[in-house]
Amino acid sequence: MGPTDGAVALTFDLFGTILDLGGSLRPAITELLERDAPDRSPEAFWDQWRTRQRLEQYQDTIMMVGHAGYLETVRRALHYVFRLNGLEPTEQRIQELMAAWQGLSPFPEVVPALERLHDRYRLVVLSNGDPHYLEHLVENRVHFPFDDVISATGNGAFKPHPGVYRRAAYLLGLEVHQCLMVSANAFDCVGARACGFQAAYVDRYDLPVEDSPFQPALTVADFTQLADALH
């Protein structure tokens, strides 16, 4: 028996796992910085934006003053990073970069791998994204018929809040151990494992997993390796 035996549903993170955030957003970032701040690095700007967004998500969950939603944490993080880089966070600049989030594209190997896995597992998006935004991305950008799309918004908290994973299993009519979280974000795998999920880490960015007892059962480089391991 393998480490992922018993899994019935694969629950997929969307942002950074299925969708190539950096590759999709860097052209817009580069265009803005070449115009307004040519001494700034688009790669560094993106790294700062993504890091700050995660902090905004944690603050949103911990403060418990109302769930702002995914795109609002993206906007707040962008406002901060503009100021961090000495740029005025004008509404025009913010709208210019926020618009790029509507055109996110999947990594090229994702859909072929999902097609291979669909005959064996229920394939489910489990994402921090806002419901209508997820609907747009799945239908218009990923173009794959997932069995379900579940937003963390229903919990009023972002992953890795335990309620997000437990509610997903509940909505799917499954025990937590029958769900396998697939994510390129190590914290997502750790959070899922802490709730009894199985987990597969898609190590797209060559980053370590946290020092935690809740380690993923499987680590792969991309979705092709994932399909090879699970099919």
Protein backbone atom coordinates (compact mmCIF):
# COMPACT_ATOMS: atom_id res chain seq x y z
CA MET A 1 0.00 0.00 0.00
CA GLY A 2 1.22 3.47 -0.86
CA PRO A 3 1.21 6.63 1.29
CA THR A 4 -1.85 8.06 -0.48
CA ASP A 5 -4.04 4.93 -0.58
CA GLY A 6 -7.63 5.56 0.41
CA ALA A 7 -7.87 9.00 -1.17
CA VAL A 8 -11.18 9.53 -2.96
CA ALA A 9 -10.97 13.25 -3.74
CA LEU A 10 -8.03 15.44 -4.72
CA THR A 11 -8.54 18.99 -3.48
CA PHE A 12 -6.42 21.45 -5.42
CA ASP A 13 -5.07 24.80 -4.42
CA LEU A 14 -5.54 27.22 -7.31
CA PHE A 15 -3.25 30.22 -6.88
CA GLY A 16 0.35 29.27 -7.56
CA THR A 17 -0.44 25.56 -7.88
CA ILE A 18 -2.75 25.35 -10.90
CA LEU A 19 -2.41 28.99 -11.96
CA ASP A 20 0.99 30.50 -12.76
CA LEU A 21 0.76 33.72 -10.78
CA GLY A 22 4.25 35.04 -11.41
CA GLY A 23 4.26 34.20 -15.10
CA SER A 24 0.83 35.74 -15.56
CA LEU A 25 1.40 38.93 -13.57
CA ARG A 26 5.01 39.86 -14.28
CA PRO A 27 4.31 41.39 -17.73
CA ALA A 28 1.91 43.93 -16.20
CA ILE A 29 4.27 44.60 -13.31
CA THR A 30 7.18 45.05 -15.72
CA GLU A 31 5.24 47.48 -17.89
CA LEU A 32 4.25 49.63 -14.93
CA LEU A 33 7.72 49.68 -13.38
CA GLU A 34 9.47 50.43 -16.68
CA ARG A 35 7.21 53.48 -16.95
CA ASP A 36 7.09 54.69 -13.35
CA ALA A 37 10.09 53.20 -11.54
CA PRO A 38 12.67 51.79 -13.97
CA ASP A 39 15.19 51.21 -11.16
CA ARG A 40 12.88 48.66 -9.49
CA SER A 41 13.03 44.93 -10.22
CA PRO A 42 9.75 43.32 -11.41
CA GLU A 43 10.83 40.00 -9.87
CA ALA A 44 11.52 41.59 -6.48
CA PHE A 45 8.27 43.56 -6.66
CA TRP A 46 6.30 40.37 -7.31
CA ASP A 47 8.04 38.51 -4.49
CA GLN A 48 7.21 41.36 -2.10
CA TRP A 49 3.60 41.48 -3.27
CA ARG A 50 3.04 37.76 -2.88
CA THR A 51 4.71 37.65 0.54
CA ARG A 52 2.72 40.62 1.78
CA GLN A 53 -0.53 39.15 0.48
CA ARG A 54 -0.05 36.05 2.61
CA LEU A 55 0.54 38.27 5.65
CA GLU A 56 -2.67 40.16 4.84
CA GLN A 57 -4.53 36.84 4.74
CA TYR A 58 -3.18 35.76 8.11
CA GLN A 59 -4.07 39.14 9.63
CA ASP A 60 -7.55 38.96 8.15
CA THR A 61 -8.13 35.55 9.73
CA ILE A 62 -6.53 36.29 13.12
CA MET A 63 -8.13 39.69 13.70
CA MET A 64 -11.68 38.35 13.19
CA VAL A 65 -13.19 41.72 12.32
CA GLY A 66 -14.83 40.45 9.13
CA HIS A 67 -13.59 38.43 6.18
CA ALA A 68 -12.33 40.84 3.53
CA GLY A 69 -12.01 38.32 0.70
CA TYR A 70 -9.11 37.20 -1.46
CA LEU A 71 -8.91 40.03 -3.96
CA GLU A 72 -9.13 42.59 -1.17
CA THR A 73 -6.03 41.09 0.47
CA VAL A 74 -4.32 41.27 -2.93
CA ARG A 75 -5.24 44.97 -3.17
CA ARG A 76 -4.12 45.77 0.37
CA ALA A 77 -0.81 44.03 -0.24
CA LEU A 78 -0.30 45.96 -3.48
CA HIS A 79 -0.98 49.25 -1.71
CA TYR A 80 1.70 48.36 0.84
CA VAL A 81 4.27 47.24 -1.75
CA PHE A 82 3.83 50.39 -3.84
CA ARG A 83 4.74 52.44 -0.77
CA LEU A 84 7.57 50.04 0.10
CA ASN A 85 9.05 50.83 -3.32
CA GLY A 86 8.58 54.58 -3.05
CA LEU A 87 5.59 54.72 -5.41
CA GLU A 88 2.34 56.50 -4.65
CA PRO A 89 -0.44 53.87 -4.56
CA THR A 90 -2.77 55.79 -6.86
CA GLU A 91 -6.07 54.30 -7.88
CA GLN A 92 -4.89 54.14 -11.49
CA ARG A 93 -1.79 52.14 -10.61
CA ILE A 94 -3.72 49.80 -8.35
CA GLN A 95 -6.41 49.17 -10.97
CA GLU A 96 -3.77 48.58 -13.64
CA LEU A 97 -2.14 45.72 -11.73
CA MET A 98 -5.34 44.35 -10.18
CA ALA A 99 -6.81 43.96 -13.67
CA ALA A 100 -4.04 41.49 -14.51
CA TRP A 101 -5.48 39.06 -11.93
CA GLN A 102 -8.43 38.46 -14.25
CA GLY A 103 -6.11 36.96 -16.87
CA LEU A 104 -4.23 34.35 -14.84
CA SER A 105 -3.20 31.28 -16.84
CA PRO A 106 -2.55 27.69 -15.73
CA PHE A 107 0.83 26.02 -15.88
CA PRO A 108 1.01 24.18 -19.23
CA GLU A 109 1.09 20.63 -17.83
CA VAL A 110 -1.90 21.05 -15.49
CA VAL A 111 -4.91 20.23 -17.68
CA PRO A 112 -3.36 17.16 -19.37
CA ALA A 113 -2.52 15.79 -15.92
CA LEU A 114 -6.01 16.50 -14.60
CA GLU A 115 -7.50 14.63 -17.54
CA ARG A 116 -5.41 11.59 -16.59
CA LEU A 117 -6.53 11.75 -12.95
CA HIS A 118 -10.23 12.36 -13.55
CA ASP A 119 -11.13 8.71 -14.10
CA ARG A 120 -9.82 7.70 -10.67
CA TYR A 121 -10.54 10.63 -8.33
CA ARG A 122 -13.04 13.37 -7.68
CA LEU A 123 -11.18 16.56 -8.60
CA VAL A 124 -12.07 19.59 -6.52
CA VAL A 125 -10.77 23.15 -6.30
CA LEU A 126 -10.30 24.20 -2.66
CA SER A 127 -9.18 27.80 -2.76
CA ASN A 128 -8.96 31.00 -0.77
CA GLY A 129 -10.44 32.83 -3.76
CA ASP A 130 -13.79 34.60 -3.74
CA PRO A 131 -16.61 32.43 -5.20
CA HIS A 132 -17.42 34.53 -8.28
CA TYR A 133 -13.72 35.02 -8.98
CA LEU A 134 -13.11 31.27 -8.76
CA GLU A 135 -16.00 30.67 -11.14
CA HIS A 136 -14.42 33.03 -13.68
CA LEU A 137 -10.97 31.47 -13.37
CA VAL A 138 -12.15 27.87 -13.61
CA GLU A 139 -14.50 28.47 -16.54
CA ASN A 140 -12.55 31.03 -18.52
CA ARG A 141 -8.89 30.46 -17.65
CA VAL A 142 -8.36 26.82 -16.60
CA HIS A 143 -11.07 25.33 -18.85
CA PHE A 144 -11.45 22.09 -16.92
CA PRO A 145 -14.69 20.53 -15.57
CA PHE A 146 -13.85 20.08 -11.89
CA ASP A 147 -16.30 18.03 -9.85
CA ASP A 148 -16.66 20.87 -7.36
CA VAL A 149 -15.24 24.30 -6.55
CA ILE A 150 -15.10 25.20 -2.86
CA SER A 151 -14.18 28.66 -1.59
CA ALA A 152 -12.74 29.37 1.85
CA THR A 153 -15.12 32.33 1.93
CA GLY A 154 -17.76 29.99 3.30
CA ASN A 155 -15.69 29.70 6.47
CA GLY A 156 -14.97 33.40 6.82
CA ALA A 157 -11.26 32.53 7.07
CA PHE A 158 -8.36 31.69 4.80
CA LYS A 159 -6.38 28.47 4.59
CA PRO A 160 -4.69 27.10 6.64
CA HIS A 161 -7.58 27.66 9.07
CA PRO A 162 -8.70 24.12 9.98
CA GLY A 163 -12.34 24.86 9.28
CA VAL A 164 -11.62 25.32 5.57
CA TYR A 165 -10.40 21.74 5.18
CA ARG A 166 -13.00 20.19 7.47
CA ARG A 167 -15.85 22.01 5.77
CA ALA A 168 -14.58 20.85 2.37
CA ALA A 169 -14.65 17.21 3.48
CA TYR A 170 -18.13 17.75 4.93
CA LEU A 171 -19.43 19.28 1.69
CA LEU A 172 -17.97 16.39 -0.28
CA GLY A 173 -19.56 13.83 2.04
CA LEU A 174 -16.17 12.37 2.89
CA GLU A 175 -14.02 11.66 5.91
CA VAL A 176 -11.00 13.94 6.11
CA HIS A 177 -8.58 11.08 5.43
CA GLN A 178 -10.33 10.43 2.11
CA CYS A 179 -9.25 13.87 0.87
CA LEU A 180 -5.78 14.63 -0.49
CA MET A 181 -4.73 18.27 -0.63
CA VAL A 182 -2.56 19.15 -3.62
CA SER A 183 -0.71 22.43 -3.23
CA ALA A 184 2.47 24.24 -4.21
CA ASN A 185 2.18 26.17 -0.95
CA ALA A 186 3.82 24.17 1.83
CA PHE A 187 1.71 25.82 4.54
CA ASP A 188 -1.37 24.49 2.75
CA CYS A 189 -0.09 20.92 2.86
CA VAL A 190 0.87 21.26 6.53
CA GLY A 191 -2.50 22.79 7.41
CA ALA A 192 -4.39 20.07 5.58
CA ARG A 193 -2.36 17.30 7.20
CA ALA A 194 -3.00 18.78 10.64
CA CYS A 195 -6.73 18.30 9.95
CA GLY A 196 -6.39 14.68 8.88
CA PHE A 197 -6.15 15.20 5.13
CA GLN A 198 -3.52 13.49 3.08
CA ALA A 199 -1.30 15.90 1.14
CA ALA A 200 0.88 16.12 -1.94
CA TYR A 201 3.36 18.98 -2.21
CA VAL A 202 3.96 20.31 -5.73
CA ASP A 203 7.39 21.84 -5.21
CA ARG A 204 7.29 24.26 -8.15
CA TYR A 205 9.47 26.86 -6.47
CA ASP A 206 12.16 24.70 -4.83
CA LEU A 207 11.10 25.72 -1.32
CA PRO A 208 11.27 23.64 1.85
CA VAL A 209 8.31 22.45 3.89
CA GLU A 210 7.92 23.88 7.38
CA ASP A 211 9.55 22.14 10.34
CA SER A 212 6.39 20.35 11.37
CA PRO A 213 5.25 16.81 12.15
CA PHE A 214 2.53 17.26 9.52
CA GLN A 215 4.52 16.48 6.40
CA PRO A 216 3.06 15.72 2.94
CA ALA A 217 3.04 12.04 1.97
CA LEU A 218 4.19 12.88 -1.54
CA THR A 219 6.42 15.55 -3.08
CA VAL A 220 6.50 16.11 -6.84
CA ALA A 221 7.92 18.77 -9.14
CA ASP A 222 4.81 19.36 -11.24
CA PHE A 223 1.42 17.91 -12.21
CA THR A 224 2.94 15.44 -14.66
CA GLN A 225 4.82 13.79 -11.81
CA LEU A 226 1.66 14.00 -9.70
CA ALA A 227 -0.36 12.11 -12.29
CA ASP A 228 2.44 9.54 -12.67
CA ALA A 229 2.45 8.95 -8.91
CA LEU A 230 -1.31 8.81 -8.37
CA HIS A 231 -2.73 7.30 -11.55
